[in-house]
């Protein structure tokens, strides 16, 4: 079993540790700490599907296949 938690250092408290002990009762665990980048580019590029989607959309822009839309044209009158 694998679980990933995204949290701030202040959330690493006794309550969190107790929850981990309950979740992984009778199992040995490995804890890895990684600093998350605020830049989502690394996450997108490391995911094959998301990276392919991004590259396809960038090519669409370069090829002029994207048109500008004014969102106020689609909003009801206030």
Protein backbone atom coordinates (compact mmCIF):
# COMPACT_ATOMS: atom_id res chain seq x y z
CA UNK A 1 0.00 0.00 0.00
CA UNK A 2 1.16 3.51 -0.75
CA UNK A 3 -0.29 6.82 0.38
CA UNK A 4 0.79 10.35 -0.53
CA UNK A 5 -0.08 13.32 1.64
CA UNK A 6 0.45 16.93 0.61
CA UNK A 7 0.60 19.11 3.70
CA UNK A 8 2.30 21.97 5.44
CA UNK A 9 4.88 21.39 8.20
CA UNK A 10 2.42 22.66 10.82
CA UNK A 11 0.10 19.77 9.99
CA UNK A 12 2.73 17.22 11.01
CA UNK A 13 1.42 16.87 14.53
CA UNK A 14 0.60 14.08 16.96
CA UNK A 15 -2.88 13.68 15.45
CA UNK A 16 -1.34 13.03 12.01
CA UNK A 17 1.14 10.51 13.44
CA UNK A 18 -1.64 8.68 15.30
CA UNK A 19 -3.60 8.46 12.04
CA UNK A 20 -0.55 6.98 10.29
CA UNK A 21 -0.08 4.45 13.08
CA UNK A 22 -3.71 3.39 12.74
CA UNK A 23 -3.58 3.24 8.94
CA UNK A 24 -0.40 1.18 8.78
CA UNK A 25 -0.89 -0.90 11.91
CA UNK A 26 1.31 -4.02 11.90
CA UNK A 27 3.34 -2.85 8.88
CA UNK A 28 6.82 -1.43 8.62
CA UNK A 29 6.76 1.95 6.80
CA UNK A 30 9.24 4.13 4.96
CA UNK A 31 8.88 7.89 5.33
CA UNK A 32 10.22 10.16 2.59
CA UNK A 33 10.01 13.95 2.83
CA UNK A 34 10.04 15.98 -0.38
CA UNK A 35 9.71 19.72 -0.77
CA UNK A 36 7.00 20.49 -3.28
CA UNK A 37 7.75 22.98 -5.98
CA UNK A 38 5.20 25.76 -6.34
CA UNK A 39 5.83 25.50 -10.08
CA UNK A 40 3.49 22.89 -11.58
CA UNK A 41 5.64 22.51 -14.70
CA UNK A 42 7.68 19.66 -13.20
CA UNK A 43 4.52 17.76 -12.26
CA UNK A 44 3.02 18.21 -15.72
CA UNK A 45 6.21 17.23 -17.54
CA UNK A 46 6.71 14.12 -15.38
CA UNK A 47 3.20 12.86 -16.24
CA UNK A 48 3.24 11.45 -19.79
CA UNK A 49 -0.45 12.12 -20.45
CA UNK A 50 -0.39 15.70 -19.13
CA UNK A 51 2.86 16.49 -20.93
CA UNK A 52 1.50 15.15 -24.23
CA UNK A 53 -1.68 17.19 -23.77
CA UNK A 54 0.34 20.33 -23.03
CA UNK A 55 2.58 19.81 -26.08
CA UNK A 56 -0.44 19.20 -28.34
CA UNK A 57 -2.13 22.37 -27.08
CA UNK A 58 1.02 24.43 -27.55
CA UNK A 59 1.26 23.15 -31.13
CA UNK A 60 -2.38 24.12 -31.70
CA UNK A 61 -1.53 27.67 -30.60
CA UNK A 62 1.54 27.78 -32.85
CA UNK A 63 -0.53 26.49 -35.79
CA UNK A 64 -3.24 29.11 -35.22
CA UNK A 65 -5.88 26.54 -34.29
CA UNK A 66 -6.95 28.43 -31.17
CA UNK A 67 -9.35 31.33 -31.24
CA UNK A 68 -9.81 34.08 -28.70
CA UNK A 69 -13.13 34.10 -26.86
CA UNK A 70 -14.67 36.92 -24.86
CA UNK A 71 -16.30 35.23 -21.84
CA UNK A 72 -18.66 38.14 -21.26
CA UNK A 73 -20.38 37.14 -24.53
CA UNK A 74 -21.50 33.94 -22.77
CA UNK A 75 -22.57 35.39 -19.42
CA UNK A 76 -26.15 36.37 -18.80
CA UNK A 77 -26.81 40.08 -18.47
CA UNK A 78 -26.61 41.22 -14.86
